[in-house]
Amino acid sequence: MPQLDTSTWFVTILSMLLTLYIIMQLKVSKHTYYQNPEPTITKTPQHTTPWSTKWTKIYSPLSLPL
């Protein structure tokens, strides 16, 4: 059975990592960012429901008289 030649693996892996790094740098450099992002103010709407102003009691079935 022939022996696996691993002498070129280091160069192959190193060139692959270098290529991936260059590709990622090119992708990031082409990305456009906002110059000065401003926060947007969001207002939560107030819902008027009939039960929001009244106090209600929830009766548990176990607390009711028999």
PDB file of N, CA and C in Angstrom:
ATOM      1  N   MET A   1       0.857  -1.179   0.000  1.00  0.00           N
ATOM      2  CA  MET A   1       0.000   0.000   0.000  1.00  0.00           C
ATOM      3  C   MET A   1       0.904   1.243   0.000  1.00  0.00           C
ATOM      4  N   PRO A   2       0.659   2.185  -0.921  1.00  0.00           N
ATOM      5  CA  PRO A   2       1.549   3.361  -0.991  1.00  0.00           C
ATOM      6  C   PRO A   2       1.322   4.330   0.159  1.00  0.00           C
ATOM      7  N   GLN A   3       2.373   5.020   0.512  1.00  0.00           N
ATOM      8  CA  GLN A   3       2.317   5.988   1.599  1.00  0.00           C
ATOM      9  C   GLN A   3       1.725   7.307   1.086  1.00  0.00           C
ATOM     10  N   LEU A   4       0.912   7.964   1.936  1.00  0.00           N
ATOM     11  CA  LEU A   4       0.296   9.229   1.554  1.00  0.00           C
ATOM     12  C   LEU A   4       1.327  10.346   1.673  1.00  0.00           C
ATOM     13  N   ASP A   5       1.488  11.100   0.604  1.00  0.00           N
ATOM     14  CA  ASP A   5       2.472  12.185   0.598  1.00  0.00           C
ATOM     15  C   ASP A   5       1.842  13.436   1.195  1.00  0.00           C
ATOM     16  N   THR A   6       2.303  13.859   2.355  1.00  0.00           N
ATOM     17  CA  THR A   6       1.756  15.024   3.053  1.00  0.00           C
ATOM     18  C   THR A   6       2.699  16.211   3.022  1.00  0.00           C
ATOM     19  N   SER A   7       3.677  16.190   2.168  1.00  0.00           N
ATOM     20  CA  SER A   7       4.664  17.267   2.149  1.00  0.00           C
ATOM     21  C   SER A   7       4.079  18.566   1.603  1.00  0.00           C
ATOM     22  N   THR A   8       3.057  18.496   0.774  1.00  0.00           N
ATOM     23  CA  THR A   8       2.498  19.712   0.184  1.00  0.00           C
ATOM     24  C   THR A   8       1.270  20.221   0.925  1.00  0.00           C
ATOM     25  N   TRP A   9       0.866  19.553   1.977  1.00  0.00           N
ATOM     26  CA  TRP A   9      -0.346  19.960   2.684  1.00  0.00           C
ATOM     27  C   TRP A   9      -0.201  21.337   3.331  1.00  0.00           C
ATOM     28  N   PHE A  10       0.948  21.612   3.883  1.00  0.00           N
ATOM     29  CA  PHE A  10       1.150  22.896   4.553  1.00  0.00           C
ATOM     30  C   PHE A  10       0.987  24.047   3.569  1.00  0.00           C
ATOM     31  N   VAL A  11       1.596  23.932   2.419  1.00  0.00           N
ATOM     32  CA  VAL A  11       1.506  24.987   1.402  1.00  0.00           C
ATOM     33  C   VAL A  11       0.072  25.105   0.903  1.00  0.00           C
ATOM     34  N   THR A  12      -0.602  23.989   0.724  1.00  0.00           N
ATOM     35  CA  THR A  12      -1.986  24.004   0.236  1.00  0.00           C
ATOM     36  C   THR A  12      -2.912  24.679   1.235  1.00  0.00           C
ATOM     37  N   ILE A  13      -2.802  24.315   2.482  1.00  0.00           N
ATOM     38  CA  ILE A  13      -3.661  24.892   3.522  1.00  0.00           C
ATOM     39  C   ILE A  13      -3.343  26.370   3.709  1.00  0.00           C
ATOM     40  N   LEU A  14      -2.080  26.707   3.692  1.00  0.00           N
ATOM     41  CA  LEU A  14      -1.699  28.107   3.853  1.00  0.00           C
ATOM     42  C   LEU A  14      -2.198  28.967   2.693  1.00  0.00           C
ATOM     43  N   SER A  15      -2.108  28.486   1.489  1.00  0.00           N
ATOM     44  CA  SER A  15      -2.602  29.252   0.342  1.00  0.00           C
ATOM     45  C   SER A  15      -4.124  29.350   0.364  1.00  0.00           C
ATOM     46  N   MET A  16      -4.806  28.305   0.842  1.00  0.00           N
ATOM     47  CA  MET A  16      -6.253  28.349   0.947  1.00  0.00           C
ATOM     48  C   MET A  16      -6.687  29.399   1.972  1.00  0.00           C
ATOM     49  N   LEU A  17      -6.019  29.448   3.098  1.00  0.00           N
ATOM     50  CA  LEU A  17      -6.363  30.432   4.124  1.00  0.00           C
ATOM     51  C   LEU A  17      -6.078  31.855   3.647  1.00  0.00           C
ATOM     52  N   LEU A  18      -4.998  32.021   2.969  1.00  0.00           N
ATOM     53  CA  LEU A  18      -4.667  33.342   2.430  1.00  0.00           C
ATOM     54  C   LEU A  18      -5.702  33.782   1.392  1.00  0.00           C
ATOM     55  N   THR A  19      -6.111  32.873   0.547  1.00  0.00           N
ATOM     56  CA  THR A  19      -7.131  33.185  -0.465  1.00  0.00           C
ATOM     57  C   THR A  19      -8.464  33.531   0.185  1.00  0.00           C
ATOM     58  N   LEU A  20      -8.868  32.769   1.190  1.00  0.00           N
ATOM     59  CA  LEU A  20     -10.115  33.062   1.887  1.00  0.00           C
ATOM     60  C   LEU A  20     -10.060  34.418   2.585  1.00  0.00           C
ATOM     61  N   TYR A  21      -8.929  34.733   3.165  1.00  0.00           N
ATOM     62  CA  TYR A  21      -8.772  36.031   3.824  1.00  0.00           C
ATOM     63  C   TYR A  21      -8.888  37.173   2.811  1.00  0.00           C
ATOM     64  N   ILE A  22      -8.255  37.020   1.671  1.00  0.00           N
ATOM     65  CA  ILE A  22      -8.315  38.070   0.641  1.00  0.00           C
ATOM     66  C   ILE A  22      -9.736  38.211   0.111  1.00  0.00           C
ATOM     67  N   ILE A  23     -10.425  37.126  -0.124  1.00  0.00           N
ATOM     68  CA  ILE A  23     -11.807  37.190  -0.619  1.00  0.00           C
ATOM     69  C   ILE A  23     -12.716  37.874   0.395  1.00  0.00           C
ATOM     70  N   MET A  24     -12.552  37.539   1.673  1.00  0.00           N
ATOM     71  CA  MET A  24     -13.391  38.180   2.698  1.00  0.00           C
ATOM     72  C   MET A  24     -13.076  39.662   2.822  1.00  0.00           C
ATOM     73  N   GLN A  25     -11.823  40.032   2.701  1.00  0.00           N
ATOM     74  CA  GLN A  25     -11.464  41.444   2.757  1.00  0.00           C
ATOM     75  C   GLN A  25     -12.060  42.214   1.580  1.00  0.00           C
ATOM     76  N   LEU A  26     -12.071  41.619   0.420  1.00  0.00           N
ATOM     77  CA  LEU A  26     -12.668  42.266  -0.745  1.00  0.00           C
ATOM     78  C   LEU A  26     -14.181  42.415  -0.588  1.00  0.00           C
ATOM     79  N   LYS A  27     -14.818  41.400  -0.016  1.00  0.00           N
ATOM     80  CA  LYS A  27     -16.270  41.483   0.189  1.00  0.00           C
ATOM     81  C   LYS A  27     -16.617  42.559   1.209  1.00  0.00           C
ATOM     82  N   VAL A  28     -15.846  42.648   2.273  1.00  0.00           N
ATOM     83  CA  VAL A  28     -16.121  43.637   3.312  1.00  0.00           C
ATOM     84  C   VAL A  28     -15.816  45.044   2.808  1.00  0.00           C
ATOM     85  N   SER A  29     -14.793  45.184   2.010  1.00  0.00           N
ATOM     86  CA  SER A  29     -14.431  46.522   1.527  1.00  0.00           C
ATOM     87  C   SER A  29     -15.454  47.072   0.536  1.00  0.00           C
ATOM     88  N   LYS A  30     -16.204  46.214  -0.138  1.00  0.00           N
ATOM     89  CA  LYS A  30     -17.228  46.677  -1.070  1.00  0.00           C
ATOM     90  C   LYS A  30     -18.552  46.962  -0.387  1.00  0.00           C
ATOM     91  N   HIS A  31     -18.660  46.621   0.878  1.00  0.00           N
ATOM     92  CA  HIS A  31     -19.905  46.848   1.601  1.00  0.00           C
ATOM     93  C   HIS A  31     -20.035  48.328   1.954  1.00  0.00           C
ATOM     94  N   THR A  32     -21.219  48.885   1.766  1.00  0.00           N
ATOM     95  CA  THR A  32     -21.424  50.299   2.089  1.00  0.00           C
ATOM     96  C   THR A  32     -22.065  50.429   3.459  1.00  0.00           C
ATOM     97  N   TYR A  33     -21.518  51.302   4.258  1.00  0.00           N
ATOM     98  CA  TYR A  33     -22.011  51.558   5.600  1.00  0.00           C
ATOM     99  C   TYR A  33     -22.636  52.945   5.644  1.00  0.00           C
ATOM    100  N   TYR A  34     -23.555  53.134   6.571  1.00  0.00           N
ATOM    101  CA  TYR A  34     -24.138  54.455   6.766  1.00  0.00           C
ATOM    102  C   TYR A  34     -23.098  55.361   7.419  1.00  0.00           C
ATOM    103  N   GLN A  35     -23.085  56.608   7.006  1.00  0.00           N
ATOM    104  CA  GLN A  35     -22.085  57.530   7.547  1.00  0.00           C
ATOM    105  C   GLN A  35     -22.383  57.902   8.992  1.00  0.00           C
ATOM    106  N   ASN A  36     -23.627  58.298   9.259  1.00  0.00           N
ATOM    107  CA  ASN A  36     -23.980  58.713  10.609  1.00  0.00           C
ATOM    108  C   ASN A  36     -25.386  58.183  10.924  1.00  0.00           C
ATOM    109  N   PRO A  37     -25.488  56.987  11.456  1.00  0.00           N
ATOM    110  CA  PRO A  37     -26.818  56.448  11.715  1.00  0.00           C
ATOM    111  C   PRO A  37     -27.505  57.191  12.858  1.00  0.00           C
ATOM    112  N   GLU A  38     -28.748  57.522  12.664  1.00  0.00           N
ATOM    113  CA  GLU A  38     -29.535  58.211  13.676  1.00  0.00           C
ATOM    114  C   GLU A  38     -30.583  57.261  14.240  1.00  0.00           C
ATOM    115  N   PRO A  39     -30.777  57.270  15.537  1.00  0.00           N
ATOM    116  CA  PRO A  39     -31.821  56.398  16.104  1.00  0.00           C
ATOM    117  C   PRO A  39     -33.207  56.937  15.764  1.00  0.00           C
ATOM    118  N   THR A  40     -34.087  56.026  15.488  1.00  0.00           N
ATOM    119  CA  THR A  40     -35.460  56.435  15.185  1.00  0.00           C
ATOM    120  C   THR A  40     -36.304  56.308  16.446  1.00  0.00           C
ATOM    121  N   ILE A  41     -37.184  57.260  16.630  1.00  0.00           N
ATOM    122  CA  ILE A  41     -38.042  57.267  17.813  1.00  0.00           C
ATOM    123  C   ILE A  41     -39.363  56.599  17.438  1.00  0.00           C
ATOM    124  N   THR A  42     -39.654  55.538  18.129  1.00  0.00           N
ATOM    125  CA  THR A  42     -40.902  54.831  17.858  1.00  0.00           C
ATOM    126  C   THR A  42     -41.866  55.083  19.002  1.00  0.00           C
ATOM    127  N   LYS A  43     -43.093  55.393  18.652  1.00  0.00           N
ATOM    128  CA  LYS A  43     -44.113  55.642  19.657  1.00  0.00           C
ATOM    129  C   LYS A  43     -45.020  54.425  19.763  1.00  0.00           C
ATOM    130  N   THR A  44     -45.245  54.001  20.982  1.00  0.00           N
ATOM    131  CA  THR A  44     -46.137  52.864  21.175  1.00  0.00           C
ATOM    132  C   THR A  44     -47.568  53.376  21.272  1.00  0.00           C
ATOM    133  N   PRO A  45     -48.469  52.820  20.511  1.00  0.00           N
ATOM    134  CA  PRO A  45     -49.852  53.300  20.554  1.00  0.00           C
ATOM    135  C   PRO A  45     -50.549  52.864  21.835  1.00  0.00           C
ATOM    136  N   GLN A  46     -51.343  53.752  22.388  1.00  0.00           N
ATOM    137  CA  GLN A  46     -52.101  53.444  23.600  1.00  0.00           C
ATOM    138  C   GLN A  46     -53.471  52.923  23.188  1.00  0.00           C
ATOM    139  N   HIS A  47     -53.741  51.699  23.559  1.00  0.00           N
ATOM    140  CA  HIS A  47     -55.028  51.099  23.232  1.00  0.00           C
ATOM    141  C   HIS A  47     -56.007  51.372  24.375  1.00  0.00           C
ATOM    142  N   THR A  48     -57.149  51.843  24.020  1.00  0.00           N
ATOM    143  CA  THR A  48     -58.160  52.075  25.048  1.00  0.00           C
ATOM    144  C   THR A  48     -59.112  50.890  25.056  1.00  0.00           C
ATOM    145  N   THR A  49     -59.034  50.149  26.112  1.00  0.00           N
ATOM    146  CA  THR A  49     -59.909  48.984  26.275  1.00  0.00           C
ATOM    147  C   THR A  49     -60.768  49.196  27.500  1.00  0.00           C
ATOM    148  N   PRO A  50     -61.956  48.639  27.526  1.00  0.00           N
ATOM    149  CA  PRO A  50     -62.841  48.870  28.676  1.00  0.00           C
ATOM    150  C   PRO A  50     -62.293  48.300  29.984  1.00  0.00           C
ATOM    151  N   TRP A  51     -61.492  47.241  29.880  1.00  0.00           N
ATOM    152  CA  TRP A  51     -61.008  46.623  31.116  1.00  0.00           C
ATOM    153  C   TRP A  51     -59.701  47.243  31.602  1.00  0.00           C
ATOM    154  N   SER A  52     -59.138  48.153  30.871  1.00  0.00           N
ATOM    155  CA  SER A  52     -57.871  48.723  31.325  1.00  0.00           C
ATOM    156  C   SER A  52     -58.074  49.731  32.460  1.00  0.00           C
ATOM    157  N   THR A  53     -59.251  50.350  32.553  1.00  0.00           N
ATOM    158  CA  THR A  53     -59.479  51.327  33.614  1.00  0.00           C
ATOM    159  C   THR A  53     -60.151  50.712  34.831  1.00  0.00           C
ATOM    160  N   LYS A  54     -60.694  49.509  34.708  1.00  0.00           N
ATOM    161  CA  LYS A  54     -61.404  48.879  35.825  1.00  0.00           C
ATOM    162  C   LYS A  54     -60.538  47.796  36.460  1.00  0.00           C
ATOM    163  N   TRP A  55     -60.781  47.606  37.738  1.00  0.00           N
ATOM    164  CA  TRP A  55     -60.109  46.519  38.424  1.00  0.00           C
ATOM    165  C   TRP A  55     -61.006  45.297  38.336  1.00  0.00           C
ATOM    166  N   THR A  56     -60.442  44.207  37.917  1.00  0.00           N
ATOM    167  CA  THR A  56     -61.230  42.977  37.810  1.00  0.00           C
ATOM    168  C   THR A  56     -60.582  41.900  38.644  1.00  0.00           C
ATOM    169  N   LYS A  57     -61.416  41.036  39.168  1.00  0.00           N
ATOM    170  CA  LYS A  57     -60.931  39.935  39.966  1.00  0.00           C
ATOM    171  C   LYS A  57     -61.217  38.642  39.226  1.00  0.00           C
ATOM    172  N   ILE A  58     -60.218  37.794  39.148  1.00  0.00           N
ATOM    173  CA  ILE A  58     -60.380  36.507  38.486  1.00  0.00           C
ATOM    174  C   ILE A  58     -60.615  35.476  39.578  1.00  0.00           C
ATOM    175  N   TYR A  59     -61.736  34.782  39.457  1.00  0.00           N
ATOM    176  CA  TYR A  59     -62.080  33.775  40.452  1.00  0.00           C
ATOM    177  C   TYR A  59     -61.562  32.428  40.026  1.00  0.00           C
ATOM    178  N   SER A  60     -60.825  31.810  40.917  1.00  0.00           N
ATOM    179  CA  SER A  60     -60.359  30.467  40.655  1.00  0.00           C
ATOM    180  C   SER A  60     -61.475  29.489  40.990  1.00  0.00           C
ATOM    181  N   PRO A  61     -61.646  28.427  40.204  1.00  0.00           N
ATOM    182  CA  PRO A  61     -62.727  27.467  40.511  1.00  0.00           C
ATOM    183  C   PRO A  61     -62.564  26.819  41.883  1.00  0.00           C
ATOM    184  N   LEU A  62     -61.353  26.752  42.396  1.00  0.00           N
ATOM    185  CA  LEU A  62     -61.146  26.096  43.683  1.00  0.00           C
ATOM    186  C   LEU A  62     -61.550  27.014  44.837  1.00  0.00           C
ATOM    187  N   SER A  63     -61.589  28.332  44.597  1.00  0.00           N
ATOM    188  CA  SER A  63     -61.931  29.244  45.684  1.00  0.00           C
ATOM    189  C   SER A  63     -63.434  29.538  45.770  1.00  0.00           C
ATOM    190  N   LEU A  64     -64.205  29.039  44.831  1.00  0.00           N
ATOM    191  CA  LEU A  64     -65.654  29.273  44.856  1.00  0.00           C
ATOM    192  C   LEU A  64     -66.300  28.403  45.936  1.00  0.00           C
ATOM    193  N   PRO A  65     -67.388  28.891  46.529  1.00  0.00           N
ATOM    194  CA  PRO A  65     -68.079  28.061  47.541  1.00  0.00           C
ATOM    195  C   PRO A  65     -68.722  26.835  46.880  1.00  0.00           C
ATOM    196  N   LEU A  66     -68.811  25.804  47.655  1.00  0.00           N
ATOM    197  CA  LEU A  66     -69.401  24.568  47.143  1.00  0.00           C
ATOM    198  C   LEU A  66     -70.916  24.608  47.138  1.00  0.00           C
TER     199      LEU A  66
END
